[in-house]
């Protein structure tokens, strides 16, 4: 029964295309838009970025289903994870220090931000096919 319910929720819910995200660097908006847009690129001047700078992700999901949580992945150009951030609901705010991006900054590699969502129920989560959603790409100049 639980599996059928999970299937129906996924089958009849909107695809994540209407989800939106804003990224703030020290309270200044540097990105705002819908997710899964191929041209979603943020360019940050690396000489102005300090390791102590605060980066905030504001994520708004159209399908804010209770009992699900969202995870963000910050990956380098080789798909190696730089930072993983857990959110205990589908929409909300997470923050991290720019220090998490220091390896990519030193190598002058872009950082890709992805997100997934899973049910908090471990048994249900084991039966669900997870699709990684592209949020945006951060480049350095």
N, C-alpha and C. Protein backbone atom coordinates (compact mmCIF):
# COMPACT_ATOMS: atom_id res chain seq x y z
N UNK A 1 0.83 -1.20 0.00
CA UNK A 1 0.00 0.00 0.00
C UNK A 1 0.87 1.26 0.00
N UNK A 2 1.93 1.25 0.81
CA UNK A 2 2.83 2.40 0.89
C UNK A 2 3.49 2.63 -0.46
N UNK A 3 3.88 1.53 -1.11
CA UNK A 3 4.53 1.65 -2.42
C UNK A 3 3.57 2.27 -3.43
N UNK A 4 2.33 1.84 -3.42
CA UNK A 4 1.33 2.38 -4.34
C UNK A 4 1.12 3.86 -4.08
N UNK A 5 1.06 4.26 -2.83
CA UNK A 5 0.89 5.66 -2.48
C UNK A 5 2.08 6.48 -2.98
N UNK A 6 3.29 5.98 -2.76
CA UNK A 6 4.49 6.69 -3.22
C UNK A 6 4.50 6.82 -4.74
N UNK A 7 4.10 5.76 -5.43
CA UNK A 7 4.04 5.79 -6.88
C UNK A 7 3.04 6.83 -7.37
N UNK A 8 1.88 6.86 -6.76
CA UNK A 8 0.85 7.82 -7.16
C UNK A 8 1.29 9.25 -6.91
N UNK A 9 1.95 9.48 -5.78
CA UNK A 9 2.44 10.83 -5.47
C UNK A 9 3.44 11.26 -6.54
N UNK A 10 4.35 10.37 -6.90
CA UNK A 10 5.34 10.71 -7.92
C UNK A 10 4.72 10.83 -9.30
N UNK A 11 3.81 9.98 -9.62
CA UNK A 11 3.21 9.98 -10.96
C UNK A 11 2.36 11.21 -11.22
N UNK A 12 1.66 11.69 -10.22
CA UNK A 12 0.75 12.80 -10.43
C UNK A 12 1.29 14.14 -9.95
N UNK A 13 2.47 14.15 -9.41
CA UNK A 13 3.04 15.42 -8.98
C UNK A 13 3.74 16.08 -10.16
N UNK A 14 3.90 17.36 -10.07
CA UNK A 14 4.58 18.10 -11.13
C UNK A 14 6.06 17.73 -11.11
N UNK A 15 6.66 17.75 -12.27
CA UNK A 15 8.10 17.55 -12.35
C UNK A 15 8.75 18.78 -11.74
N UNK A 16 9.96 18.66 -11.26
CA UNK A 16 10.65 19.71 -10.52
C UNK A 16 10.88 20.99 -11.34
N UNK A 17 10.43 21.03 -12.59
CA UNK A 17 10.71 22.17 -13.46
C UNK A 17 10.19 23.49 -12.91
N UNK A 18 9.16 23.47 -12.08
CA UNK A 18 8.63 24.70 -11.52
C UNK A 18 9.31 25.09 -10.22
N UNK A 19 10.22 24.28 -9.76
CA UNK A 19 10.96 24.63 -8.56
C UNK A 19 11.89 25.79 -8.87
N UNK A 20 12.15 26.61 -7.87
CA UNK A 20 13.05 27.75 -8.08
C UNK A 20 14.08 27.82 -6.97
N UNK A 21 15.16 28.51 -7.27
CA UNK A 21 16.25 28.61 -6.32
C UNK A 21 16.87 30.00 -6.42
N UNK A 22 17.29 30.52 -5.29
CA UNK A 22 18.07 31.75 -5.22
C UNK A 22 19.34 31.45 -4.46
N UNK A 23 20.43 32.05 -4.91
CA UNK A 23 21.71 31.89 -4.23
C UNK A 23 22.20 33.27 -3.84
N UNK A 24 22.55 33.40 -2.56
CA UNK A 24 23.02 34.67 -2.04
C UNK A 24 24.47 34.52 -1.57
N UNK A 25 25.27 35.50 -1.89
CA UNK A 25 26.64 35.57 -1.40
C UNK A 25 26.71 36.78 -0.49
N UNK A 26 26.89 36.54 0.80
CA UNK A 26 26.90 37.61 1.80
C UNK A 26 25.66 38.50 1.67
N UNK A 27 24.50 37.88 1.60
CA UNK A 27 23.19 38.53 1.55
C UNK A 27 22.90 39.26 0.23
N UNK A 28 23.76 39.08 -0.77
CA UNK A 28 23.55 39.69 -2.09
C UNK A 28 23.16 38.59 -3.07
N UNK A 29 22.05 38.76 -3.77
CA UNK A 29 21.56 37.74 -4.70
C UNK A 29 22.50 37.66 -5.91
N UNK A 30 23.04 36.45 -6.14
CA UNK A 30 23.91 36.24 -7.30
C UNK A 30 23.27 35.31 -8.32
N UNK A 31 22.20 34.63 -7.94
CA UNK A 31 21.46 33.78 -8.86
C UNK A 31 20.01 33.70 -8.40
N UNK A 32 19.11 33.74 -9.38
CA UNK A 32 17.70 33.54 -9.09
C UNK A 32 17.06 32.98 -10.35
N UNK A 33 16.41 31.83 -10.20
CA UNK A 33 15.77 31.24 -11.37
C UNK A 33 15.21 29.87 -11.09
N UNK A 34 14.61 29.28 -12.15
CA UNK A 34 14.07 27.94 -12.04
C UNK A 34 15.20 26.93 -12.16
N UNK A 35 14.99 25.76 -11.57
CA UNK A 35 15.99 24.70 -11.67
C UNK A 35 15.87 24.00 -13.02
N UNK A 36 16.86 23.22 -13.36
CA UNK A 36 16.94 22.45 -14.60
C UNK A 36 17.05 23.33 -15.85
N UNK A 37 17.59 24.50 -15.70
CA UNK A 37 17.85 25.37 -16.84
C UNK A 37 19.32 25.21 -17.23
N UNK A 38 19.58 24.77 -18.46
CA UNK A 38 20.94 24.49 -18.90
C UNK A 38 21.84 25.72 -18.85
N UNK A 39 21.26 26.89 -19.00
CA UNK A 39 22.06 28.12 -19.03
C UNK A 39 22.16 28.79 -17.65
N UNK A 40 21.85 28.07 -16.61
CA UNK A 40 21.92 28.63 -15.25
C UNK A 40 23.38 28.66 -14.78
N UNK A 41 24.03 29.79 -15.01
CA UNK A 41 25.44 29.93 -14.67
C UNK A 41 25.61 31.19 -13.83
N UNK A 42 26.39 31.05 -12.75
CA UNK A 42 26.74 32.17 -11.89
C UNK A 42 28.24 32.39 -12.04
N UNK A 43 28.65 33.63 -12.30
CA UNK A 43 30.07 33.93 -12.39
C UNK A 43 30.46 34.76 -11.17
N UNK A 44 31.45 34.26 -10.43
CA UNK A 44 31.91 34.93 -9.22
C UNK A 44 33.36 35.34 -9.42
N UNK A 45 33.67 36.56 -9.05
CA UNK A 45 35.05 37.05 -9.11
C UNK A 45 35.81 36.43 -7.94
N UNK A 46 36.70 35.51 -8.24
CA UNK A 46 37.37 34.76 -7.16
C UNK A 46 38.28 35.65 -6.32
N UNK A 47 38.74 36.77 -6.85
CA UNK A 47 39.60 37.66 -6.06
C UNK A 47 38.80 38.37 -4.97
N UNK A 48 37.50 38.49 -5.15
CA UNK A 48 36.65 39.14 -4.15
C UNK A 48 36.04 38.15 -3.16
N UNK A 49 36.24 36.86 -3.40
CA UNK A 49 35.64 35.82 -2.55
C UNK A 49 36.60 35.42 -1.45
N UNK A 50 36.12 35.49 -0.22
CA UNK A 50 36.92 35.07 0.93
C UNK A 50 36.40 33.72 1.41
N UNK A 51 37.28 32.94 2.02
CA UNK A 51 36.88 31.62 2.52
C UNK A 51 35.84 31.70 3.62
N UNK A 52 35.75 32.85 4.27
CA UNK A 52 34.78 33.02 5.36
C UNK A 52 33.44 33.57 4.86
N UNK A 53 33.34 33.86 3.57
CA UNK A 53 32.08 34.37 3.02
C UNK A 53 30.98 33.33 3.17
N UNK A 54 29.77 33.79 3.36
CA UNK A 54 28.62 32.93 3.57
C UNK A 54 27.79 32.84 2.29
N UNK A 55 27.49 31.60 1.87
CA UNK A 55 26.66 31.37 0.70
C UNK A 55 25.36 30.72 1.17
N UNK A 56 24.24 31.27 0.73
CA UNK A 56 22.92 30.79 1.15
C UNK A 56 22.16 30.30 -0.08
N UNK A 57 21.57 29.11 0.03
CA UNK A 57 20.69 28.57 -1.00
C UNK A 57 19.25 28.63 -0.49
N UNK A 58 18.38 29.32 -1.21
CA UNK A 58 16.96 29.38 -0.88
C UNK A 58 16.25 28.55 -1.95
N UNK A 59 15.62 27.45 -1.55
CA UNK A 59 14.98 26.56 -2.51
C UNK A 59 13.48 26.53 -2.25
N UNK A 60 12.70 26.71 -3.32
CA UNK A 60 11.24 26.68 -3.22
C UNK A 60 10.73 25.59 -4.14
N UNK A 61 10.09 24.58 -3.55
CA UNK A 61 9.53 23.48 -4.31
C UNK A 61 8.03 23.69 -4.48
N UNK A 62 7.55 23.47 -5.70
CA UNK A 62 6.12 23.56 -5.96
C UNK A 62 5.37 22.43 -5.28
N UNK A 63 6.02 21.26 -5.15
CA UNK A 63 5.41 20.08 -4.53
C UNK A 63 6.01 19.90 -3.14
N UNK A 64 5.55 20.68 -2.21
CA UNK A 64 6.09 20.62 -0.85
C UNK A 64 5.36 19.53 -0.06
N UNK A 65 5.66 18.27 -0.39
CA UNK A 65 5.01 17.12 0.24
C UNK A 65 5.65 16.87 1.60
N UNK A 66 4.82 16.66 2.61
CA UNK A 66 5.33 16.38 3.95
C UNK A 66 5.97 15.00 4.00
N UNK A 67 6.98 14.85 4.83
CA UNK A 67 7.63 13.57 4.99
C UNK A 67 8.76 13.32 4.00
N UNK A 68 9.12 14.33 3.24
CA UNK A 68 10.22 14.22 2.29
C UNK A 68 11.31 15.22 2.68
N UNK A 69 12.55 14.90 2.34
CA UNK A 69 13.66 15.82 2.62
C UNK A 69 14.49 16.02 1.36
N UNK A 70 15.18 17.13 1.31
CA UNK A 70 15.97 17.51 0.14
C UNK A 70 17.45 17.51 0.51
N UNK A 71 18.28 17.10 -0.44
CA UNK A 71 19.73 17.11 -0.27
C UNK A 71 20.35 17.88 -1.42
N UNK A 72 21.32 18.72 -1.11
CA UNK A 72 22.06 19.47 -2.13
C UNK A 72 23.47 18.90 -2.21
N UNK A 73 23.97 18.81 -3.45
CA UNK A 73 25.33 18.34 -3.70
C UNK A 73 26.08 19.42 -4.46
N UNK A 74 27.26 19.77 -3.96
CA UNK A 74 28.14 20.68 -4.67
C UNK A 74 29.28 19.83 -5.21
N UNK A 75 29.35 19.69 -6.53
CA UNK A 75 30.31 18.81 -7.18
C UNK A 75 31.25 19.61 -8.06
N UNK A 76 32.49 19.09 -8.21
CA UNK A 76 33.44 19.73 -9.11
C UNK A 76 33.20 19.25 -10.54
N UNK A 77 34.07 19.65 -11.46
CA UNK A 77 33.90 19.32 -12.87
C UNK A 77 34.03 17.82 -13.14
N UNK A 78 34.67 17.08 -12.23
CA UNK A 78 34.84 15.64 -12.38
C UNK A 78 33.78 14.84 -11.63
N UNK A 79 32.73 15.51 -11.21
CA UNK A 79 31.62 14.90 -10.45
C UNK A 79 32.05 14.43 -9.05
N UNK A 80 33.15 14.97 -8.54
CA UNK A 80 33.59 14.66 -7.18
C UNK A 80 32.87 15.61 -6.22
N UNK A 81 32.29 15.05 -5.18
CA UNK A 81 31.51 15.84 -4.23
C UNK A 81 32.41 16.71 -3.37
N UNK A 82 32.11 18.00 -3.33
CA UNK A 82 32.83 18.94 -2.48
C UNK A 82 32.10 19.16 -1.15
N UNK A 83 30.76 19.13 -1.22
CA UNK A 83 29.96 19.37 -0.02
C UNK A 83 28.57 18.80 -0.25
N UNK A 84 28.02 18.21 0.80
CA UNK A 84 26.64 17.71 0.80
C UNK A 84 25.89 18.42 1.92
N UNK A 85 24.72 18.94 1.60
CA UNK A 85 23.93 19.68 2.58
C UNK A 85 22.53 19.09 2.63
N UNK A 86 22.09 18.73 3.82
CA UNK A 86 20.78 18.10 4.04
C UNK A 86 19.78 19.15 4.52
N UNK A 87 18.57 19.09 3.95
CA UNK A 87 17.46 19.93 4.39
C UNK A 87 16.35 18.99 4.79
N UNK A 88 15.76 19.16 5.96
CA UNK A 88 14.76 18.21 6.47
C UNK A 88 13.36 18.39 5.90
N UNK A 89 13.23 19.18 4.86
CA UNK A 89 11.96 19.36 4.17
C UNK A 89 12.27 19.64 2.71
N UNK A 90 11.26 19.84 1.89
CA UNK A 90 11.49 20.02 0.45
C UNK A 90 11.87 21.45 0.09
N UNK A 91 11.32 22.42 0.79
CA UNK A 91 11.63 23.82 0.54
C UNK A 91 12.27 24.40 1.78
N UNK A 92 13.18 25.33 1.57
CA UNK A 92 13.82 25.96 2.72
C UNK A 92 15.14 26.60 2.36
N UNK A 93 15.90 26.87 3.40
CA UNK A 93 17.17 27.59 3.27
C UNK A 93 18.30 26.80 3.90
N UNK A 94 19.42 26.74 3.21
CA UNK A 94 20.64 26.15 3.75
C UNK A 94 21.78 27.12 3.49
N UNK A 95 22.81 27.06 4.32
CA UNK A 95 23.96 27.95 4.12
C UNK A 95 25.25 27.18 4.35
N UNK A 96 26.32 27.70 3.77
CA UNK A 96 27.65 27.10 3.93
C UNK A 96 28.70 28.17 3.67
N UNK A 97 29.92 27.90 4.16
CA UNK A 97 31.04 28.81 3.94
C UNK A 97 31.63 28.60 2.56
N UNK A 98 32.16 29.66 1.98
CA UNK A 98 32.82 29.58 0.68
C UNK A 98 34.05 28.69 0.75
N UNK A 99 34.53 28.40 1.95
CA UNK A 99 35.68 27.51 2.12
C UNK A 99 35.42 26.15 1.48
N UNK A 100 34.17 25.71 1.45
CA UNK A 100 33.81 24.42 0.85
C UNK A 100 34.13 24.39 -0.64
N UNK A 101 34.25 25.55 -1.25
CA UNK A 101 34.53 25.64 -2.69
C UNK A 101 36.00 25.92 -2.99
N UNK A 102 36.84 25.97 -1.96
CA UNK A 102 38.23 26.40 -2.13
C UNK A 102 39.03 25.53 -3.09
N UNK A 103 38.81 24.21 -3.08
CA UNK A 103 39.55 23.33 -4.00
C UNK A 103 39.22 23.66 -5.46
N UNK A 104 37.95 23.88 -5.73
CA UNK A 104 37.53 24.21 -7.09
C UNK A 104 38.04 25.59 -7.50
N UNK A 105 38.07 26.51 -6.55
CA UNK A 105 38.57 27.86 -6.85
C UNK A 105 40.05 27.79 -7.20
N UNK A 106 40.83 27.05 -6.42
CA UNK A 106 42.27 26.92 -6.68
C UNK A 106 42.55 26.30 -8.04
N UNK A 107 41.76 25.30 -8.42
CA UNK A 107 41.94 24.61 -9.71
C UNK A 107 41.24 25.34 -10.86
N UNK A 108 40.52 26.42 -10.53
CA UNK A 108 39.75 27.18 -11.52
C UNK A 108 38.72 26.30 -12.22
N UNK A 109 38.15 25.35 -11.48
CA UNK A 109 37.13 24.46 -12.01
C UNK A 109 35.74 24.97 -11.62
N UNK A 110 34.77 24.77 -12.47
CA UNK A 110 33.40 25.15 -12.10
C UNK A 110 32.85 24.23 -11.01
N UNK A 111 31.86 24.71 -10.30
CA UNK A 111 31.15 23.94 -9.28
C UNK A 111 29.71 23.78 -9.77
N UNK A 112 29.21 22.55 -9.72
CA UNK A 112 27.86 22.26 -10.13
C UNK A 112 27.02 21.97 -8.90
N UNK A 113 25.86 22.60 -8.80
CA UNK A 113 24.96 22.37 -7.67
C UNK A 113 23.79 21.53 -8.18
N UNK A 114 23.58 20.40 -7.50
CA UNK A 114 22.48 19.49 -7.82
C UNK A 114 21.65 19.28 -6.56
N UNK A 115 20.44 18.78 -6.75
CA UNK A 115 19.59 18.44 -5.62
C UNK A 115 18.81 17.17 -5.91
N UNK A 116 18.48 16.46 -4.85
CA UNK A 116 17.57 15.30 -4.93
C UNK A 116 16.57 15.43 -3.78
N UNK A 117 15.50 14.70 -3.88
CA UNK A 117 14.53 14.65 -2.79
C UNK A 117 14.12 13.21 -2.57
N UNK A 118 14.02 12.84 -1.31
CA UNK A 118 13.67 11.47 -0.92
C UNK A 118 12.71 11.49 0.26
N UNK A 119 11.89 10.46 0.38
CA UNK A 119 11.04 10.37 1.57
C UNK A 119 11.90 10.08 2.81
N UNK A 120 11.45 10.57 3.95
CA UNK A 120 12.17 10.30 5.19
C UNK A 120 12.04 8.84 5.61
N UNK A 121 10.97 8.19 5.20
CA UNK A 121 10.76 6.77 5.48
C UNK A 121 11.78 5.96 4.69
N UNK A 122 12.69 5.29 5.38
CA UNK A 122 13.80 4.55 4.74
C UNK A 122 13.30 3.44 3.82
N UNK A 123 12.23 2.76 4.23
CA UNK A 123 11.70 1.67 3.39
C UNK A 123 11.14 2.22 2.08
N UNK A 124 10.43 3.32 2.17
CA UNK A 124 9.88 3.92 0.96
C UNK A 124 11.00 4.49 0.09
N UNK A 125 12.00 5.10 0.73
CA UNK A 125 13.12 5.68 -0.01
C UNK A 125 13.89 4.61 -0.79
N UNK A 126 13.96 3.41 -0.25
CA UNK A 126 14.67 2.32 -0.92
C UNK A 126 13.98 1.88 -2.21
N UNK A 127 12.71 2.17 -2.34
CA UNK A 127 11.95 1.74 -3.52
C UNK A 127 11.80 2.83 -4.58
N UNK A 128 12.33 4.00 -4.31
CA UNK A 128 12.11 5.12 -5.21
C UNK A 128 13.35 5.35 -6.08
N UNK A 129 13.11 5.60 -7.35
CA UNK A 129 14.19 5.93 -8.27
C UNK A 129 14.52 7.40 -8.11
N UNK A 130 15.78 7.69 -7.83
CA UNK A 130 16.21 9.06 -7.56
C UNK A 130 16.75 9.69 -8.84
N UNK A 131 16.32 10.90 -9.09
CA UNK A 131 16.83 11.66 -10.23
C UNK A 131 17.49 12.93 -9.72
N UNK A 132 18.72 13.14 -10.13
CA UNK A 132 19.48 14.31 -9.72
C UNK A 132 19.04 15.51 -10.56
N UNK A 133 18.71 16.61 -9.90
CA UNK A 133 18.22 17.82 -10.55
C UNK A 133 19.32 18.88 -10.56
N UNK A 134 19.61 19.41 -11.74
CA UNK A 134 20.60 20.47 -11.88
C UNK A 134 20.02 21.79 -11.39
N UNK A 135 20.75 22.47 -10.51
CA UNK A 135 20.31 23.78 -10.01
C UNK A 135 21.04 24.89 -10.76
N UNK A 136 22.39 24.89 -10.68
CA UNK A 136 23.16 25.87 -11.40
C UNK A 136 24.65 25.51 -11.39
N UNK A 137 25.40 26.24 -12.17
CA UNK A 137 26.85 26.07 -12.28
C UNK A 137 27.52 27.36 -11.82
N UNK A 138 28.55 27.23 -11.00
CA UNK A 138 29.31 28.41 -10.55
C UNK A 138 30.65 28.40 -11.26
N UNK A 139 30.96 29.52 -11.91
CA UNK A 139 32.24 29.68 -12.59
C UNK A 139 33.00 30.83 -11.95
N UNK A 140 34.30 30.85 -12.18
CA UNK A 140 35.18 31.86 -11.57
C UNK A 140 35.82 32.72 -12.65
N UNK A 141 35.99 34.00 -12.36
CA UNK A 141 36.75 34.86 -13.28
C UNK A 141 37.82 35.60 -12.54
